[in-house]
PDB file of N, CA and C in Angstrom:
ATOM      1  N   MET A   1      48.130  33.482  39.799  1.00  0.00           N
ATOM      2  CA  MET A   1      49.051  33.287  38.700  1.00  0.00           C
ATOM      3  C   MET A   1      48.905  31.866  38.133  1.00  0.00           C
ATOM      4  N   ILE A   2      48.710  30.897  39.014  1.00  0.00           N
ATOM      5  CA  ILE A   2      48.589  29.511  38.551  1.00  0.00           C
ATOM      6  C   ILE A   2      47.376  29.366  37.638  1.00  0.00           C
ATOM      7  N   GLU A   3      46.298  30.046  37.984  1.00  0.00           N
ATOM      8  CA  GLU A   3      45.105  29.974  37.133  1.00  0.00           C
ATOM      9  C   GLU A   3      45.393  30.503  35.736  1.00  0.00           C
ATOM     10  N   GLN A   4      46.158  31.587  35.660  1.00  0.00           N
ATOM     11  CA  GLN A   4      46.516  32.138  34.352  1.00  0.00           C
ATOM     12  C   GLN A   4      47.402  31.167  33.576  1.00  0.00           C
ATOM     13  N   LEU A   5      48.359  30.533  34.267  1.00  0.00           N
ATOM     14  CA  LEU A   5      49.209  29.540  33.610  1.00  0.00           C
ATOM     15  C   LEU A   5      48.393  28.346  33.135  1.00  0.00           C
ATOM     16  N   GLU A   6      47.427  27.906  33.945  1.00  0.00           N
ATOM     17  CA  GLU A   6      46.576  26.786  33.556  1.00  0.00           C
ATOM     18  C   GLU A   6      45.746  27.134  32.330  1.00  0.00           C
ATOM     19  N   GLU A   7      45.254  28.358  32.290  1.00  0.00           N
ATOM     20  CA  GLU A   7      44.476  28.790  31.125  1.00  0.00           C
ATOM     21  C   GLU A   7      45.361  28.825  29.877  1.00  0.00           C
ATOM     22  N   PHE A   8      46.585  29.337  30.029  1.00  0.00           N
ATOM     23  CA  PHE A   8      47.518  29.397  28.911  1.00  0.00           C
ATOM     24  C   PHE A   8      47.913  27.995  28.449  1.00  0.00           C
ATOM     25  N   ALA A   9      48.215  27.105  29.396  1.00  0.00           N
ATOM     26  CA  ALA A   9      48.671  25.751  29.068  1.00  0.00           C
ATOM     27  C   ALA A   9      47.523  24.836  28.645  1.00  0.00           C
ATOM     28  N   GLY A  10      46.324  25.168  29.074  1.00  0.00           N
ATOM     29  CA  GLY A  10      45.183  24.328  28.736  1.00  0.00           C
ATOM     30  C   GLY A  10      45.120  23.044  29.560  1.00  0.00           C
ATOM     31  N   GLU A  11      45.768  23.039  30.707  1.00  0.00           N
ATOM     32  CA  GLU A  11      45.741  21.869  31.587  1.00  0.00           C
ATOM     33  C   GLU A  11      45.941  22.294  33.031  1.00  0.00           C
ATOM     34  N   LYS A  12      45.627  21.402  33.947  1.00  0.00           N
ATOM     35  CA  LYS A  12      45.770  21.655  35.375  1.00  0.00           C
ATOM     36  C   LYS A  12      47.243  21.521  35.772  1.00  0.00           C
ATOM     37  N   LEU A  13      47.741  22.479  36.548  1.00  0.00           N
ATOM     38  CA  LEU A  13      49.127  22.474  36.986  1.00  0.00           C
ATOM     39  C   LEU A  13      49.180  22.466  38.515  1.00  0.00           C
ATOM     40  N   SER A  14      50.138  21.746  39.071  1.00  0.00           N
ATOM     41  CA  SER A  14      50.296  21.744  40.521  1.00  0.00           C
ATOM     42  C   SER A  14      51.399  22.713  40.918  1.00  0.00           C
ATOM     43  N   GLU A  15      51.279  23.248  42.135  1.00  0.00           N
ATOM     44  CA  GLU A  15      52.299  24.170  42.620  1.00  0.00           C
ATOM     45  C   GLU A  15      53.653  23.476  42.723  1.00  0.00           C
ATOM     46  N   GLU A  16      53.659  22.221  43.160  1.00  0.00           N
ATOM     47  CA  GLU A  16      54.923  21.492  43.296  1.00  0.00           C
ATOM     48  C   GLU A  16      55.593  21.296  41.938  1.00  0.00           C
ATOM     49  N   TRP A  17      54.819  21.021  40.901  1.00  0.00           N
ATOM     50  CA  TRP A  17      55.384  20.867  39.555  1.00  0.00           C
ATOM     51  C   TRP A  17      56.012  22.187  39.108  1.00  0.00           C
ATOM     52  N   ILE A  18      55.309  23.288  39.346  1.00  0.00           N
ATOM     53  CA  ILE A  18      55.826  24.609  38.963  1.00  0.00           C
ATOM     54  C   ILE A  18      57.102  24.916  39.739  1.00  0.00           C
ATOM     55  N   ARG A  19      57.121  24.602  41.042  1.00  0.00           N
ATOM     56  CA  ARG A  19      58.337  24.810  41.841  1.00  0.00           C
ATOM     57  C   ARG A  19      59.503  24.000  41.278  1.00  0.00           C
ATOM     58  N   GLY A  20      59.223  22.772  40.869  1.00  0.00           N
ATOM     59  CA  GLY A  20      60.267  21.931  40.282  1.00  0.00           C
ATOM     60  C   GLY A  20      60.841  22.537  39.014  1.00  0.00           C
ATOM     61  N   VAL A  21      59.975  23.063  38.172  1.00  0.00           N
ATOM     62  CA  VAL A  21      60.434  23.701  36.930  1.00  0.00           C
ATOM     63  C   VAL A  21      61.274  24.936  37.252  1.00  0.00           C
ATOM     64  N   VAL A  22      60.836  25.721  38.226  1.00  0.00           N
ATOM     65  CA  VAL A  22      61.587  26.917  38.607  1.00  0.00           C
ATOM     66  C   VAL A  22      62.950  26.531  39.175  1.00  0.00           C
ATOM     67  N   ARG A  23      63.009  25.453  39.981  1.00  0.00           N
ATOM     68  CA  ARG A  23      64.297  24.981  40.497  1.00  0.00           C
ATOM     69  C   ARG A  23      65.225  24.585  39.349  1.00  0.00           C
ATOM     70  N   LYS A  24      64.677  23.893  38.362  1.00  0.00           N
ATOM     71  CA  LYS A  24      65.489  23.492  37.208  1.00  0.00           C
ATOM     72  C   LYS A  24      65.951  24.714  36.419  1.00  0.00           C
ATOM     73  N   CYS A  25      65.092  25.705  36.269  1.00  0.00           N
ATOM     74  CA  CYS A  25      65.480  26.943  35.577  1.00  0.00           C
ATOM     75  C   CYS A  25      66.612  27.637  36.330  1.00  0.00           C
ATOM     76  N   ASN A  26      66.508  27.690  37.659  1.00  0.00           N
ATOM     77  CA  ASN A  26      67.568  28.311  38.458  1.00  0.00           C
ATOM     78  C   ASN A  26      68.869  27.538  38.331  1.00  0.00           C
ATOM     79  N   ASN A  27      68.788  26.204  38.335  1.00  0.00           N
ATOM     80  CA  ASN A  27      69.964  25.363  38.159  1.00  0.00           C
ATOM     81  C   ASN A  27      70.614  25.650  36.809  1.00  0.00           C
ATOM     82  N   MET A  28      69.797  25.742  35.765  1.00  0.00           N
ATOM     83  CA  MET A  28      70.324  26.026  34.429  1.00  0.00           C
ATOM     84  C   MET A  28      70.942  27.421  34.372  1.00  0.00           C
ATOM     85  N   ALA A  29      70.349  28.380  35.070  1.00  0.00           N
ATOM     86  CA  ALA A  29      70.903  29.735  35.075  1.00  0.00           C
ATOM     87  C   ALA A  29      72.287  29.741  35.717  1.00  0.00           C
ATOM     88  N   GLU A  30      72.464  28.983  36.805  1.00  0.00           N
ATOM     89  CA  GLU A  30      73.776  28.891  37.442  1.00  0.00           C
ATOM     90  C   GLU A  30      74.796  28.236  36.508  1.00  0.00           C
ATOM     91  N   LEU A  31      74.386  27.151  35.848  1.00  0.00           N
ATOM     92  CA  LEU A  31      75.282  26.490  34.899  1.00  0.00           C
ATOM     93  C   LEU A  31      75.618  27.415  33.731  1.00  0.00           C
ATOM     94  N   HIS A  32      74.605  28.135  33.252  1.00  0.00           N
ATOM     95  CA  HIS A  32      74.807  29.077  32.150  1.00  0.00           C
ATOM     96  C   HIS A  32      75.816  30.142  32.538  1.00  0.00           C
ATOM     97  N   ASN A  33      75.705  30.677  33.747  1.00  0.00           N
ATOM     98  CA  ASN A  33      76.646  31.702  34.204  1.00  0.00           C
ATOM     99  C   ASN A  33      78.065  31.151  34.293  1.00  0.00           C
ATOM    100  N   GLU A  34      78.189  29.934  34.809  1.00  0.00           N
ATOM    101  CA  GLU A  34      79.508  29.299  34.895  1.00  0.00           C
ATOM    102  C   GLU A  34      80.094  29.080  33.498  1.00  0.00           C
ATOM    103  N   PHE A  35      79.245  28.617  32.593  1.00  0.00           N
ATOM    104  CA  PHE A  35      79.672  28.396  31.211  1.00  0.00           C
ATOM    105  C   PHE A  35      80.086  29.714  30.562  1.00  0.00           C
ATOM    106  N   TRP A  36      79.302  30.760  30.775  1.00  0.00           N
ATOM    107  CA  TRP A  36      79.572  32.043  30.122  1.00  0.00           C
ATOM    108  C   TRP A  36      80.873  32.658  30.626  1.00  0.00           C
ATOM    109  N   GLU A  37      81.200  32.457  31.901  1.00  0.00           N
ATOM    110  CA  GLU A  37      82.473  32.956  32.414  1.00  0.00           C
ATOM    111  C   GLU A  37      83.640  32.297  31.685  1.00  0.00           C
ATOM    112  N   MET A  38      83.532  30.995  31.432  1.00  0.00           N
ATOM    113  CA  MET A  38      84.597  30.308  30.692  1.00  0.00           C
ATOM    114  C   MET A  38      84.615  30.752  29.232  1.00  0.00           C
ATOM    115  N   HIS A  39      83.470  31.156  28.728  1.00  0.00           N
ATOM    116  CA  HIS A  39      83.363  31.618  27.340  1.00  0.00           C
ATOM    117  C   HIS A  39      84.132  32.920  27.136  1.00  0.00           C
ATOM    118  N   LYS A  40      84.343  33.665  28.208  1.00  0.00           N
ATOM    119  CA  LYS A  40      85.067  34.939  28.130  1.00  0.00           C
ATOM    120  C   LYS A  40      86.575  34.755  28.030  1.00  0.00           C
ATOM    121  N   ALA A  41      87.076  33.557  28.340  1.00  0.00           N
ATOM    122  CA  ALA A  41      88.525  33.310  28.364  1.00  0.00           C
ATOM    123  C   ALA A  41      89.151  33.541  26.989  1.00  0.00           C
ATOM    124  N   LYS A  42      90.387  34.005  27.011  1.00  0.00           N
ATOM    125  CA  LYS A  42      91.149  34.192  25.773  1.00  0.00           C
ATOM    126  C   LYS A  42      92.469  33.473  25.929  1.00  0.00           C
ATOM    127  N   PRO A  43      92.845  32.590  25.062  1.00  0.00           N
ATOM    128  CA  PRO A  43      92.021  32.049  23.978  1.00  0.00           C
ATOM    129  C   PRO A  43      90.869  31.224  24.536  1.00  0.00           C
ATOM    130  N   GLY A  44      89.879  31.019  23.712  1.00  0.00           N
ATOM    131  CA  GLY A  44      88.650  30.399  24.160  1.00  0.00           C
ATOM    132  C   GLY A  44      88.662  28.876  24.157  1.00  0.00           C
ATOM    133  N   PRO A  45      88.300  28.254  25.294  1.00  0.00           N
ATOM    134  CA  PRO A  45      88.235  26.793  25.368  1.00  0.00           C
ATOM    135  C   PRO A  45      86.886  26.227  24.923  1.00  0.00           C
ATOM    136  N   VAL A  46      85.932  27.088  24.632  1.00  0.00           N
ATOM    137  CA  VAL A  46      84.576  26.638  24.313  1.00  0.00           C
ATOM    138  C   VAL A  46      84.510  26.162  22.863  1.00  0.00           C
ATOM    139  N   LEU A  47      83.953  24.976  22.674  1.00  0.00           N
ATOM    140  CA  LEU A  47      83.760  24.477  21.310  1.00  0.00           C
ATOM    141  C   LEU A  47      82.762  25.360  20.567  1.00  0.00           C
ATOM    142  N   ASN A  48      82.998  25.615  19.303  1.00  0.00           N
ATOM    143  CA  ASN A  48      82.135  26.509  18.525  1.00  0.00           C
ATOM    144  C   ASN A  48      80.686  26.047  18.484  1.00  0.00           C
ATOM    145  N   ILE A  49      80.456  24.762  18.376  1.00  0.00           N
ATOM    146  CA  ILE A  49      79.086  24.255  18.263  1.00  0.00           C
ATOM    147  C   ILE A  49      78.277  24.526  19.527  1.00  0.00           C
ATOM    148  N   PHE A  50      78.957  24.752  20.655  1.00  0.00           N
ATOM    149  CA  PHE A  50      78.244  25.017  21.905  1.00  0.00           C
ATOM    150  C   PHE A  50      77.433  26.304  21.840  1.00  0.00           C
ATOM    151  N   GLY A  51      77.833  27.253  20.986  1.00  0.00           N
ATOM    152  CA  GLY A  51      77.056  28.481  20.828  1.00  0.00           C
ATOM    153  C   GLY A  51      75.669  28.189  20.295  1.00  0.00           C
ATOM    154  N   VAL A  52      75.604  27.330  19.309  1.00  0.00           N
ATOM    155  CA  VAL A  52      74.310  26.940  18.738  1.00  0.00           C
ATOM    156  C   VAL A  52      73.531  26.108  19.754  1.00  0.00           C
ATOM    157  N   ASP A  53      74.222  25.196  20.430  1.00  0.00           N
ATOM    158  CA  ASP A  53      73.558  24.375  21.439  1.00  0.00           C
ATOM    159  C   ASP A  53      72.915  25.237  22.510  1.00  0.00           C
ATOM    160  N   LEU A  54      73.618  26.280  22.920  1.00  0.00           N
ATOM    161  CA  LEU A  54      73.099  27.152  23.965  1.00  0.00           C
ATOM    162  C   LEU A  54      71.834  27.877  23.512  1.00  0.00           C
ATOM    163  N   ILE A  55      71.811  28.324  22.283  1.00  0.00           N
ATOM    164  CA  ILE A  55      70.621  28.995  21.759  1.00  0.00           C
ATOM    165  C   ILE A  55      69.429  28.042  21.743  1.00  0.00           C
ATOM    166  N   VAL A  56      69.651  26.833  21.290  1.00  0.00           N
ATOM    167  CA  VAL A  56      68.574  25.843  21.237  1.00  0.00           C
ATOM    168  C   VAL A  56      68.090  25.529  22.647  1.00  0.00           C
ATOM    169  N   MET A  57      69.015  25.376  23.586  1.00  0.00           N
ATOM    170  CA  MET A  57      68.612  25.097  24.967  1.00  0.00           C
ATOM    171  C   MET A  57      67.790  26.224  25.553  1.00  0.00           C
ATOM    172  N   ARG A  58      68.203  27.453  25.305  1.00  0.00           N
ATOM    173  CA  ARG A  58      67.448  28.593  25.841  1.00  0.00           C
ATOM    174  C   ARG A  58      66.040  28.628  25.258  1.00  0.00           C
ATOM    175  N   ALA A  59      65.891  28.188  24.031  1.00  0.00           N
ATOM    176  CA  ALA A  59      64.592  28.250  23.372  1.00  0.00           C
ATOM    177  C   ALA A  59      63.682  27.074  23.703  1.00  0.00           C
ATOM    178  N   SER A  60      64.252  25.887  23.919  1.00  0.00           N
ATOM    179  CA  SER A  60      63.363  24.727  24.024  1.00  0.00           C
ATOM    180  C   SER A  60      63.629  23.790  25.197  1.00  0.00           C
ATOM    181  N   LEU A  61      64.734  23.913  25.891  1.00  0.00           N
ATOM    182  CA  LEU A  61      65.032  22.973  26.974  1.00  0.00           C
ATOM    183  C   LEU A  61      65.200  23.643  28.337  1.00  0.00           C
ATOM    184  N   TRP A  62      64.953  24.933  28.425  1.00  0.00           N
ATOM    185  CA  TRP A  62      65.149  25.630  29.693  1.00  0.00           C
ATOM    186  C   TRP A  62      64.121  25.125  30.703  1.00  0.00           C
ATOM    187  N   GLY A  63      64.595  24.672  31.854  1.00  0.00           N
ATOM    188  CA  GLY A  63      63.713  24.167  32.894  1.00  0.00           C
ATOM    189  C   GLY A  63      63.413  22.685  32.771  1.00  0.00           C
ATOM    190  N   ARG A  64      64.071  22.010  31.844  1.00  0.00           N
ATOM    191  CA  ARG A  64      63.871  20.566  31.661  1.00  0.00           C
ATOM    192  C   ARG A  64      65.154  19.832  32.055  1.00  0.00           C
ATOM    193  N   GLN A  65      65.011  18.615  32.538  1.00  0.00           N
ATOM    194  CA  GLN A  65      66.176  17.833  32.954  1.00  0.00           C
ATOM    195  C   GLN A  65      67.134  17.593  31.790  1.00  0.00           C
ATOM    196  N   GLU A  66      66.602  17.429  30.590  1.00  0.00           N
ATOM    197  CA  GLU A  66      67.457  17.230  29.418  1.00  0.00           C
ATOM    198  C   GLU A  66      68.377  18.424  29.199  1.00  0.00           C
ATOM    199  N   GLY A  67      67.852  19.625  29.426  1.00  0.00           N
ATOM    200  CA  GLY A  67      68.654  20.835  29.285  1.00  0.00           C
ATOM    201  C   GLY A  67      69.740  20.906  30.339  1.00  0.00           C
ATOM    202  N   ILE A  68      69.405  20.521  31.573  1.00  0.00           N
ATOM    203  CA  ILE A  68      70.402  20.508  32.644  1.00  0.00           C
ATOM    204  C   ILE A  68      71.518  19.536  32.301  1.00  0.00           C
ATOM    205  N   ASP A  69      71.139  18.332  31.872  1.00  0.00           N
ATOM    206  CA  ASP A  69      72.139  17.317  31.529  1.00  0.00           C
ATOM    207  C   ASP A  69      73.078  17.803  30.428  1.00  0.00           C
ATOM    208  N   CYS A  70      72.504  18.415  29.401  1.00  0.00           N
ATOM    209  CA  CYS A  70      73.305  18.899  28.274  1.00  0.00           C
ATOM    210  C   CYS A  70      74.225  20.040  28.705  1.00  0.00           C
ATOM    211  N   LEU A  71      73.689  20.977  29.478  1.00  0.00           N
ATOM    212  CA  LEU A  71      74.494  22.116  29.916  1.00  0.00           C
ATOM    213  C   LEU A  71      75.593  21.676  30.879  1.00  0.00           C
ATOM    214  N   GLU A  72      75.300  20.708  31.746  1.00  0.00           N
ATOM    215  CA  GLU A  72      76.346  20.166  32.622  1.00  0.00           C
ATOM    216  C   GLU A  72      77.484  19.561  31.799  1.00  0.00           C
ATOM    217  N   LYS A  73      77.129  18.843  30.747  1.00  0.00           N
ATOM    218  CA  LYS A  73      78.149  18.244  29.882  1.00  0.00           C
ATOM    219  C   LYS A  73      78.972  19.329  29.187  1.00  0.00           C
ATOM    220  N   MET A  74      78.319  20.382  28.722  1.00  0.00           N
ATOM    221  CA  MET A  74      79.029  21.487  28.076  1.00  0.00           C
ATOM    222  C   MET A  74      80.008  22.143  29.047  1.00  0.00           C
ATOM    223  N   VAL A  75      79.573  22.342  30.299  1.00  0.00           N
ATOM    224  CA  VAL A  75      80.439  22.934  31.310  1.00  0.00           C
ATOM    225  C   VAL A  75      81.624  22.010  31.588  1.00  0.00           C
ATOM    226  N   ASP A  76      81.352  20.715  31.742  1.00  0.00           N
ATOM    227  CA  ASP A  76      82.431  19.753  32.020  1.00  0.00           C
ATOM    228  C   ASP A  76      83.456  19.702  30.885  1.00  0.00           C
ATOM    229  N   VAL A  77      82.973  19.642  29.656  1.00  0.00           N
ATOM    230  CA  VAL A  77      83.873  19.591  28.504  1.00  0.00           C
ATOM    231  C   VAL A  77      84.713  20.866  28.435  1.00  0.00           C
ATOM    232  N   THR A  78      84.084  22.005  28.650  1.00  0.00           N
ATOM    233  CA  THR A  78      84.801  23.280  28.569  1.00  0.00           C
ATOM    234  C   THR A  78      85.830  23.403  29.691  1.00  0.00           C
ATOM    235  N   LYS A  79      85.464  22.975  30.911  1.00  0.00           N
ATOM    236  CA  LYS A  79      86.431  22.996  32.024  1.00  0.00           C
ATOM    237  C   LYS A  79      87.644  22.130  31.706  1.00  0.00           C
ATOM    238  N   LYS A  80      87.389  20.956  31.155  1.00  0.00           N
ATOM    239  CA  LYS A  80      88.484  20.046  30.806  1.00  0.00           C
ATOM    240  C   LYS A  80      89.381  20.673  29.738  1.00  0.00           C
ATOM    241  N   ARG A  81      88.757  21.260  28.718  1.00  0.00           N
ATOM    242  CA  ARG A  81      89.534  21.901  27.650  1.00  0.00           C
ATOM    243  C   ARG A  81      90.349  23.068  28.201  1.00  0.00           C
ATOM    244  N   TRP A  82      89.751  23.839  29.106  1.00  0.00           N
ATOM    245  CA  TRP A  82      90.428  24.986  29.698  1.00  0.00           C
ATOM    246  C   TRP A  82      91.624  24.516  30.520  1.00  0.00           C
ATOM    247  N   LYS A  83      91.404  23.489  31.352  1.00  0.00           N
ATOM    248  CA  LYS A  83      92.471  22.940  32.195  1.00  0.00           C
ATOM    249  C   LYS A  83      93.620  22.380  31.356  1.00  0.00           C
ATOM    250  N   ASN A  84      93.272  21.692  30.262  1.00  0.00           N
ATOM    251  CA  ASN A  84      94.286  21.070  29.395  1.00  0.00           C
ATOM    252  C   ASN A  84      94.818  22.013  28.314  1.00  0.00           C
ATOM    253  N   LYS A  85      94.374  23.264  28.357  1.00  0.00           N
ATOM    254  CA  LYS A  85      94.784  24.280  27.378  1.00  0.00           C
ATOM    255  C   LYS A  85      94.502  23.836  25.947  1.00  0.00           C
ATOM    256  N   GLU A  86      93.307  23.273  25.779  1.00  0.00           N
ATOM    257  CA  GLU A  86      92.841  22.881  24.444  1.00  0.00           C
ATOM    258  C   GLU A  86      91.929  23.991  23.944  1.00  0.00           C
ATOM    259  N   TYR A  87      92.444  24.767  23.015  1.00  0.00           N
ATOM    260  CA  TYR A  87      91.692  25.914  22.528  1.00  0.00           C
ATOM    261  C   TYR A  87      91.254  25.696  21.086  1.00  0.00           C
ATOM    262  N   THR A  88      90.160  26.334  20.731  1.00  0.00           N
ATOM    263  CA  THR A  88      89.697  26.281  19.353  1.00  0.00           C
ATOM    264  C   THR A  88      90.746  26.903  18.443  1.00  0.00           C
ATOM    265  N   ALA A  89      91.310  28.021  18.884  1.00  0.00           N
ATOM    266  CA  ALA A  89      92.416  28.681  18.180  1.00  0.00           C
ATOM    267  C   ALA A  89      93.331  29.246  19.251  1.00  0.00           C
ATOM    268  N   HIS A  90      94.616  28.939  19.189  1.00  0.00           N
ATOM    269  CA  HIS A  90      95.528  29.397  20.230  1.00  0.00           C
ATOM    270  C   HIS A  90      95.762  30.899  20.178  1.00  0.00           C
ATOM    271  N   GLU A  91      95.586  31.484  19.007  1.00  0.00           N
ATOM    272  CA  GLU A  91      95.680  32.931  18.887  1.00  0.00           C
ATOM    273  C   GLU A  91      94.440  33.414  18.155  1.00  0.00           C
ATOM    274  N   GLU A  92      93.654  34.203  18.835  1.00  0.00           N
ATOM    275  CA  GLU A  92      92.428  34.698  18.217  1.00  0.00           C
ATOM    276  C   GLU A  92      92.683  36.009  17.505  1.00  0.00           C
ATOM    277  N   VAL A  93      92.182  36.092  16.296  1.00  0.00           N
ATOM    278  CA  VAL A  93      92.232  37.338  15.552  1.00  0.00           C
ATOM    279  C   VAL A  93      90.897  38.061  15.716  1.00  0.00           C
ATOM    280  N   LEU A  94      89.843  37.276  15.694  1.00  0.00           N
ATOM    281  CA  LEU A  94      88.498  37.821  15.780  1.00  0.00           C
ATOM    282  C   LEU A  94      87.588  36.759  16.366  1.00  0.00           C
ATOM    283  N   ARG A  95      86.693  37.164  17.241  1.00  0.00           N
ATOM    284  CA  ARG A  95      85.696  36.251  17.774  1.00  0.00           C
ATOM    285  C   ARG A  95      84.333  36.756  17.318  1.00  0.00           C
ATOM    286  N   LEU A  96      83.661  35.947  16.556  1.00  0.00           N
ATOM    287  CA  LEU A  96      82.394  36.333  15.969  1.00  0.00           C
ATOM    288  C   LEU A  96      81.298  35.438  16.502  1.00  0.00           C
ATOM    289  N   TYR A  97      80.162  36.008  16.794  1.00  0.00           N
ATOM    290  CA  TYR A  97      79.056  35.243  17.343  1.00  0.00           C
ATOM    291  C   TYR A  97      77.805  35.553  16.525  1.00  0.00           C
ATOM    292  N   TRP A  98      77.423  34.642  15.658  1.00  0.00           N
ATOM    293  CA  TRP A  98      76.227  34.810  14.831  1.00  0.00           C
ATOM    294  C   TRP A  98      75.075  34.094  15.500  1.00  0.00           C
ATOM    295  N   THR A  99      73.958  34.745  15.516  1.00  0.00           N
ATOM    296  CA  THR A  99      72.780  34.099  16.091  1.00  0.00           C
ATOM    297  C   THR A  99      71.581  34.286  15.182  1.00  0.00           C
ATOM    298  N   TYR A 100      70.636  33.417  15.359  1.00  0.00           N
ATOM    299  CA  TYR A 100      69.320  33.493  14.730  1.00  0.00           C
ATOM    300  C   TYR A 100      69.296  33.290  13.223  1.00  0.00           C
ATOM    301  N   ILE A 101      70.431  33.141  12.574  1.00  0.00           N
ATOM    302  CA  ILE A 101      70.424  32.963  11.130  1.00  0.00           C
ATOM    303  C   ILE A 101      69.637  31.698  10.762  1.00  0.00           C
ATOM    304  N   TYR A 102      69.993  30.587  11.371  1.00  0.00           N
ATOM    305  CA  TYR A 102      69.296  29.343  11.046  1.00  0.00           C
ATOM    306  C   TYR A 102      67.875  29.352  11.578  1.00  0.00           C
ATOM    307  N   TRP A 103      67.624  30.080  12.665  1.00  0.00           N
ATOM    308  CA  TRP A 103      66.257  30.159  13.191  1.00  0.00           C
ATOM    309  C   TRP A 103      65.341  30.835  12.165  1.00  0.00           C
ATOM    310  N   ARG A 104      65.816  31.903  11.589  1.00  0.00           N
ATOM    311  CA  ARG A 104      64.992  32.602  10.599  1.00  0.00           C
ATOM    312  C   ARG A 104      64.693  31.694   9.416  1.00  0.00           C
ATOM    313  N   PHE A 105      65.687  30.972   8.977  1.00  0.00           N
ATOM    314  CA  PHE A 105      65.502  30.060   7.856  1.00  0.00           C
ATOM    315  C   PHE A 105      64.494  28.973   8.208  1.00  0.00           C
ATOM    316  N   ASP A 106      64.681  28.327   9.354  1.00  0.00           N
ATOM    317  CA  ASP A 106      63.783  27.255   9.779  1.00  0.00           C
ATOM    318  C   ASP A 106      62.364  27.761  10.003  1.00  0.00           C
ATOM    319  N   LEU A 107      62.237  28.903  10.664  1.00  0.00           N
ATOM    320  CA  LEU A 107      60.901  29.428  10.927  1.00  0.00           C
ATOM    321  C   LEU A 107      60.211  29.849   9.637  1.00  0.00           C
ATOM    322  N   TYR A 108      60.980  30.374   8.707  1.00  0.00           N
ATOM    323  CA  TYR A 108      60.404  30.755   7.426  1.00  0.00           C
ATOM    324  C   TYR A 108      59.855  29.515   6.718  1.00  0.00           C
ATOM    325  N   LEU A 109      60.660  28.454   6.688  1.00  0.00           N
ATOM    326  CA  LEU A 109      60.196  27.225   6.026  1.00  0.00           C
ATOM    327  C   LEU A 109      59.010  26.613   6.745  1.00  0.00           C
ATOM    328  N   ALA A 110      59.007  26.671   8.082  1.00  0.00           N
ATOM    329  CA  ALA A 110      57.869  26.127   8.831  1.00  0.00           C
ATOM    330  C   ALA A 110      56.604  26.904   8.481  1.00  0.00           C
ATOM    331  N   GLY A 111      56.730  28.234   8.401  1.00  0.00           N
ATOM    332  CA  GLY A 111      55.578  29.046   8.030  1.00  0.00           C
ATOM    333  C   GLY A 111      55.165  28.817   6.585  1.00  0.00           C
ATOM    334  N   TRP A 112      56.153  28.658   5.728  1.00  0.00           N
ATOM    335  CA  TRP A 112      55.869  28.422   4.307  1.00  0.00           C
ATOM    336  C   TRP A 112      55.103  27.111   4.130  1.00  0.00           C
ATOM    337  N   SER A 113      55.508  26.078   4.882  1.00  0.00           N
ATOM    338  CA  SER A 113      54.845  24.784   4.732  1.00  0.00           C
ATOM    339  C   SER A 113      53.393  24.839   5.203  1.00  0.00           C
ATOM    340  N   ARG A 114      53.073  25.793   6.092  1.00  0.00           N
ATOM    341  CA  ARG A 114      51.688  25.964   6.543  1.00  0.00           C
ATOM    342  C   ARG A 114      50.923  26.935   5.649  1.00  0.00           C
ATOM    343  N   GLY A 115      51.601  27.513   4.672  1.00  0.00           N
ATOM    344  CA  GLY A 115      50.936  28.425   3.760  1.00  0.00           C
ATOM    345  C   GLY A 115      50.919  29.864   4.226  1.00  0.00           C
ATOM    346  N   GLU A 116      51.676  30.211   5.253  1.00  0.00           N
ATOM    347  CA  GLU A 116      51.654  31.560   5.792  1.00  0.00           C
ATOM    348  C   GLU A 116      52.338  32.584   4.879  1.00  0.00           C
ATOM    349  N   TYR A 117      53.292  32.129   4.071  1.00  0.00           N
ATOM    350  CA  TYR A 117      54.074  33.078   3.277  1.00  0.00           C
ATOM    351  C   TYR A 117      53.779  32.971   1.784  1.00  0.00           C
ATOM    352  N   ARG A 118      52.710  32.308   1.447  1.00  0.00           N
ATOM    353  CA  ARG A 118      52.367  32.175   0.026  1.00  0.00           C
ATOM    354  C   ARG A 118      51.521  33.362  -0.417  1.00  0.00           C
ATOM    355  N   SER A 119      51.739  33.789  -1.623  1.00  0.00           N
ATOM    356  CA  SER A 119      50.961  34.922  -2.115  1.00  0.00           C
ATOM    357  C   SER A 119      49.788  34.446  -2.937  1.00  0.00           C
TER     358      SER A 119
END
């Protein structure tokens, strides 16, 4: 498997480095689960911007120390808000979760700038 990863990455990888990344991914998965449980609370203590942050982390920071640091902060902030009963809205009428809208826009522009979408 390491040989296949090295071919894909185009560089030599060590088993210890891969183990470290997997440990960080597992750490992030535990933090994500803890965060998601708090996200289920009604009313919700999770800041709205954290939804976007989570998507970005899943796409580009999973398995990196920066992602762990950010997710730990999100969990800490949400725990504090939950404990202090600081809610985004004290009475929820509707909880809406939009995803990928900005990704499509950004990816379209990135492709357009490379000439992929020009006729």
